[in-house]
Amino acid sequence: MTAIQLVERRSRRYRSAARFANRGAIVPDSTLDDPKHWQERAEEARSIAEELKDPESKRMMLRIADDYDRLAAHARARMKVRAAQR
């Protein structure tokens, strides 16, 4: 199975599960501002990387996971700034 096929399969599974898990939950103004969203993407990318055999593909997926971690950190920082402004 290719990396793209793994991502597509997991993405479909995530969207399906998210529909039921988020009932009644407060949705952030934007996905960009949701650190949990980015942390989940990082975990997903690391999980996919574990299944990959090609070292270069694995390295790329782990780099993507690190980028998602940085996005989560930025989202947390934005939340702190907004909280301080209130």
C-alpha atoms as a PDB file:
ATOM      1  CA  MET A   1       0.000   0.000   0.000  1.00  0.00           C
ATOM      2  CA  THR A   2       1.375   3.424  -0.903  1.00  0.00           C
ATOM      3  CA  ALA A   3       1.666   6.349   1.497  1.00  0.00           C
ATOM      4  CA  ILE A   4      -1.100   8.175  -0.371  1.00  0.00           C
ATOM      5  CA  GLN A   5      -3.444   5.215  -0.043  1.00  0.00           C
ATOM      6  CA  LEU A   6      -2.713   5.011   3.703  1.00  0.00           C
ATOM      7  CA  VAL A   7      -3.421   8.725   4.160  1.00  0.00           C
ATOM      8  CA  GLU A   8      -6.661   8.513   2.172  1.00  0.00           C
ATOM      9  CA  ARG A   9      -7.875   5.472   4.118  1.00  0.00           C
ATOM     10  CA  ARG A  10      -7.065   7.041   7.486  1.00  0.00           C
ATOM     11  CA  SER A  11      -8.584  10.358   6.446  1.00  0.00           C
ATOM     12  CA  ARG A  12     -11.879   8.677   5.545  1.00  0.00           C
ATOM     13  CA  ARG A  13     -11.832   6.808   8.857  1.00  0.00           C
ATOM     14  CA  TYR A  14     -11.091  10.030  10.794  1.00  0.00           C
ATOM     15  CA  ARG A  15     -13.904  11.987   9.126  1.00  0.00           C
ATOM     16  CA  SER A  16     -16.360   9.193   9.809  1.00  0.00           C
ATOM     17  CA  ALA A  17     -15.390   8.929  13.485  1.00  0.00           C
ATOM     18  CA  ALA A  18     -15.266  12.706  13.943  1.00  0.00           C
ATOM     19  CA  ARG A  19     -18.899  13.044  12.891  1.00  0.00           C
ATOM     20  CA  PHE A  20     -19.984  11.023  15.904  1.00  0.00           C
ATOM     21  CA  ALA A  21     -17.332  12.134  18.391  1.00  0.00           C
ATOM     22  CA  ASN A  22     -18.001  15.866  17.995  1.00  0.00           C
ATOM     23  CA  ARG A  23     -21.743  15.870  18.591  1.00  0.00           C
ATOM     24  CA  GLY A  24     -22.541  18.613  21.037  1.00  0.00           C
ATOM     25  CA  ALA A  25     -18.925  19.773  21.242  1.00  0.00           C
ATOM     26  CA  ILE A  26     -17.981  23.397  20.913  1.00  0.00           C
ATOM     27  CA  VAL A  27     -16.208  23.890  17.592  1.00  0.00           C
ATOM     28  CA  PRO A  28     -13.303  26.357  17.497  1.00  0.00           C
ATOM     29  CA  ASP A  29     -13.599  29.410  15.261  1.00  0.00           C
ATOM     30  CA  SER A  30     -11.131  27.841  12.871  1.00  0.00           C
ATOM     31  CA  THR A  31      -9.226  24.598  12.514  1.00  0.00           C
ATOM     32  CA  LEU A  32      -6.103  26.749  12.366  1.00  0.00           C
ATOM     33  CA  ASP A  33      -6.743  27.743  15.991  1.00  0.00           C
ATOM     34  CA  ASP A  34      -7.306  24.210  17.283  1.00  0.00           C
ATOM     35  CA  PRO A  35      -4.092  22.699  18.719  1.00  0.00           C
ATOM     36  CA  LYS A  36      -5.835  19.363  19.259  1.00  0.00           C
ATOM     37  CA  HIS A  37      -6.553  19.119  15.537  1.00  0.00           C
ATOM     38  CA  TRP A  38      -2.882  19.584  14.651  1.00  0.00           C
ATOM     39  CA  GLN A  39      -1.691  17.164  17.358  1.00  0.00           C
ATOM     40  CA  GLU A  40      -4.047  14.518  15.996  1.00  0.00           C
ATOM     41  CA  ARG A  41      -2.678  15.068  12.484  1.00  0.00           C
ATOM     42  CA  ALA A  42       0.877  14.693  13.853  1.00  0.00           C
ATOM     43  CA  GLU A  43      -0.058  11.408  15.528  1.00  0.00           C
ATOM     44  CA  GLU A  44      -1.700  10.209  12.337  1.00  0.00           C
ATOM     45  CA  ALA A  45       1.386  11.073  10.266  1.00  0.00           C
ATOM     46  CA  ARG A  46       3.631   9.220  12.725  1.00  0.00           C
ATOM     47  CA  SER A  47       1.351   6.204  12.613  1.00  0.00           C
ATOM     48  CA  ILE A  48       1.524   6.163   8.822  1.00  0.00           C
ATOM     49  CA  ALA A  49       5.307   6.554   8.946  1.00  0.00           C
ATOM     50  CA  GLU A  50       5.565   3.417  11.078  1.00  0.00           C
ATOM     51  CA  GLU A  51       3.883   1.399   8.322  1.00  0.00           C
ATOM     52  CA  LEU A  52       6.053   2.680   5.484  1.00  0.00           C
ATOM     53  CA  LYS A  53       8.923   0.542   4.227  1.00  0.00           C
ATOM     54  CA  ASP A  54      10.679   3.152   2.070  1.00  0.00           C
ATOM     55  CA  PRO A  55      13.139   5.119   4.267  1.00  0.00           C
ATOM     56  CA  GLU A  56      12.708   8.353   2.297  1.00  0.00           C
ATOM     57  CA  SER A  57       8.908   8.196   2.514  1.00  0.00           C
ATOM     58  CA  LYS A  58       9.131   7.440   6.222  1.00  0.00           C
ATOM     59  CA  ARG A  59      11.483  10.409   6.743  1.00  0.00           C
ATOM     60  CA  MET A  60       9.108  12.692   4.839  1.00  0.00           C
ATOM     61  CA  MET A  61       6.091  11.583   6.904  1.00  0.00           C
ATOM     62  CA  LEU A  62       8.010  12.163  10.136  1.00  0.00           C
ATOM     63  CA  ARG A  63       8.956  15.633   8.921  1.00  0.00           C
ATOM     64  CA  ILE A  64       5.283  16.299   8.186  1.00  0.00           C
ATOM     65  CA  ALA A  65       4.448  15.162  11.732  1.00  0.00           C
ATOM     66  CA  ASP A  66       7.014  17.619  13.114  1.00  0.00           C
ATOM     67  CA  ASP A  67       5.442  20.383  11.031  1.00  0.00           C
ATOM     68  CA  TYR A  68       2.025  19.522  12.467  1.00  0.00           C
ATOM     69  CA  ASP A  69       3.535  19.764  15.964  1.00  0.00           C
ATOM     70  CA  ARG A  70       4.752  23.258  15.106  1.00  0.00           C
ATOM     71  CA  LEU A  71       1.290  24.215  13.866  1.00  0.00           C
ATOM     72  CA  ALA A  72      -0.147  22.990  17.182  1.00  0.00           C
ATOM     73  CA  ALA A  73       2.363  25.118  19.082  1.00  0.00           C
ATOM     74  CA  HIS A  74       1.405  28.180  17.030  1.00  0.00           C
ATOM     75  CA  ALA A  75      -2.289  27.506  17.655  1.00  0.00           C
ATOM     76  CA  ARG A  76      -1.627  27.268  21.420  1.00  0.00           C
ATOM     77  CA  ALA A  77       0.279  30.561  21.296  1.00  0.00           C
ATOM     78  CA  ARG A  78      -2.625  32.247  19.458  1.00  0.00           C
ATOM     79  CA  MET A  79      -5.045  30.928  22.073  1.00  0.00           C
ATOM     80  CA  LYS A  80      -2.905  32.417  24.866  1.00  0.00           C
ATOM     81  CA  VAL A  81      -2.792  35.804  23.125  1.00  0.00           C
ATOM     82  CA  ARG A  82      -6.577  35.804  22.645  1.00  0.00           C
ATOM     83  CA  ALA A  83      -7.147  34.775  26.270  1.00  0.00           C
ATOM     84  CA  ALA A  84      -4.908  37.610  27.456  1.00  0.00           C
ATOM     85  CA  GLN A  85      -6.861  40.105  25.334  1.00  0.00           C
ATOM     86  CA  ARG A  86     -10.176  39.241  26.989  1.00  0.00           C
END
